[in-house]
Structure formats: C-alpha cells, structure tokens
Amino acid sequence: MLLPDRNTVDRLLRHYRAQERTVLARPRDLSALRRFEDTAYTLCVLMGERSARAAVRAAERYVTGNRAPARPALEGLPGA
C-alpha cells in the first residue's frame, strides 16, 4: 500500500485544526466552512477513511508513528 508523505499529512492536519477553530469562531462564514470541508475530504482520501473524525484520528496516529493495524481486505473484490 502506498502511504502519504508524513510531512504532508502533518501539515494538512495542522491546517485542518486551524480551520476548525475558524469555523467554530465564525459559524456563518460559508467560505471558511467550505475550505474546512475540503480539507476534511482531503484527509479522508489520504488516510483511506470515510469520515472526517476517523481520518483525523488516523492522521494523528500516522504522524506520531502509532500506526493502527491494517483493515482486512474486502472479500470478493479483484485483488482481495
């Protein structure tokens, strides 16, 4: 499995946290909310997770070097 660059994930995670604070401080700022959602989506894609919460947890583990065990492959799919 190809893993993302640890520095890129760290930078994106810090960016996510900063945007999270902005959205909490200015909940009606739709532009800030859109940027926050875009960053959350990028984290989901990089970390292979379906929710932002799971992606953030996975990114934090990955950046600190505490990798979670790999998920089992889906049966019945090509390459599984």
Protein backbone atom coordinates (compact mmCIF):
# COMPACT_ATOMS: atom_id res chain seq x y z
CA MET A 1 0.00 0.00 0.00
CA LEU A 2 1.31 3.43 -0.93
CA LEU A 3 1.45 5.72 2.10
CA PRO A 4 1.25 9.53 2.01
CA ASP A 5 4.21 11.68 2.95
CA ARG A 6 4.22 12.09 6.74
CA ASN A 7 5.12 15.81 6.49
CA THR A 8 2.23 16.43 4.10
CA VAL A 9 -0.21 14.71 6.46
CA ASP A 10 1.17 16.68 9.41
CA ARG A 11 0.82 19.98 7.54
CA LEU A 12 -2.72 19.11 6.42
CA LEU A 13 -3.69 18.08 9.95
CA ARG A 14 -2.43 21.39 11.38
CA HIS A 15 -4.32 23.22 8.61
CA TYR A 16 -7.48 21.24 9.47
CA ARG A 17 -7.21 22.19 13.16
CA ALA A 18 -6.70 25.88 12.32
CA GLN A 19 -9.71 25.85 10.01
CA GLU A 20 -11.73 24.04 12.67
CA ARG A 21 -11.04 26.89 15.10
CA THR A 22 -12.02 29.43 12.43
CA VAL A 23 -15.32 27.68 11.72
CA LEU A 24 -16.11 27.49 15.43
CA ALA A 25 -15.33 31.19 15.85
CA ARG A 26 -17.27 32.24 12.72
CA PRO A 27 -20.01 29.64 12.11
CA ARG A 28 -21.76 31.79 9.49
CA ASP A 29 -18.68 32.19 7.30
CA LEU A 30 -19.60 29.87 4.42
CA SER A 31 -16.26 30.34 2.70
CA ALA A 32 -14.40 29.16 5.81
CA LEU A 33 -16.78 26.22 6.15
CA ARG A 34 -16.19 25.20 2.53
CA ARG A 35 -12.41 25.32 2.99
CA PHE A 36 -12.73 23.27 6.19
CA GLU A 37 -14.87 20.65 4.42
CA ASP A 38 -12.40 20.49 1.51
CA THR A 39 -9.53 19.90 3.91
CA ALA A 40 -11.54 17.23 5.76
CA TYR A 41 -12.25 15.49 2.45
CA THR A 42 -8.57 15.56 1.50
CA LEU A 43 -7.68 13.98 4.85
CA CYS A 44 -10.30 11.28 4.24
CA VAL A 45 -8.79 10.48 0.84
CA LEU A 46 -5.19 10.48 2.08
CA MET A 47 -5.95 8.32 5.11
CA GLY A 48 -8.44 5.99 3.40
CA GLU A 49 -11.27 6.79 5.81
CA ARG A 50 -14.93 7.59 5.20
CA SER A 51 -15.47 10.18 7.92
CA ALA A 52 -13.50 13.25 8.87
CA ARG A 53 -13.33 12.13 12.50
CA ALA A 54 -11.81 8.77 11.54
CA ALA A 55 -9.43 10.46 9.08
CA VAL A 56 -8.20 12.90 11.74
CA ARG A 57 -7.61 10.07 14.22
CA ALA A 58 -5.78 8.04 11.58
CA ALA A 59 -3.69 11.07 10.58
CA GLU A 60 -2.75 11.77 14.19
CA ARG A 61 -1.68 8.14 14.68
CA TYR A 62 0.25 8.17 11.40
CA VAL A 63 2.09 11.42 12.15
CA THR A 64 3.10 10.27 15.63
CA GLY A 65 4.22 6.89 14.31
CA ASN A 66 1.48 4.86 16.02
CA ARG A 67 0.01 3.13 13.01
CA ALA A 68 -3.23 1.27 13.51
CA PRO A 69 -3.42 -2.31 12.28
CA ALA A 70 -4.38 -2.60 8.63
CA ARG A 71 -8.02 -3.29 7.90
CA PRO A 72 -8.78 -6.67 6.34
CA ALA A 73 -9.24 -6.71 2.58
CA LEU A 74 -12.79 -6.86 1.27
CA GLU A 75 -13.64 -10.34 0.06
CA GLY A 76 -14.87 -10.80 -3.48
CA LEU A 77 -13.14 -7.74 -4.91
CA PRO A 78 -10.39 -8.06 -7.50
CA GLY A 79 -7.03 -8.09 -5.79
CA ALA A 80 -8.53 -9.10 -2.45
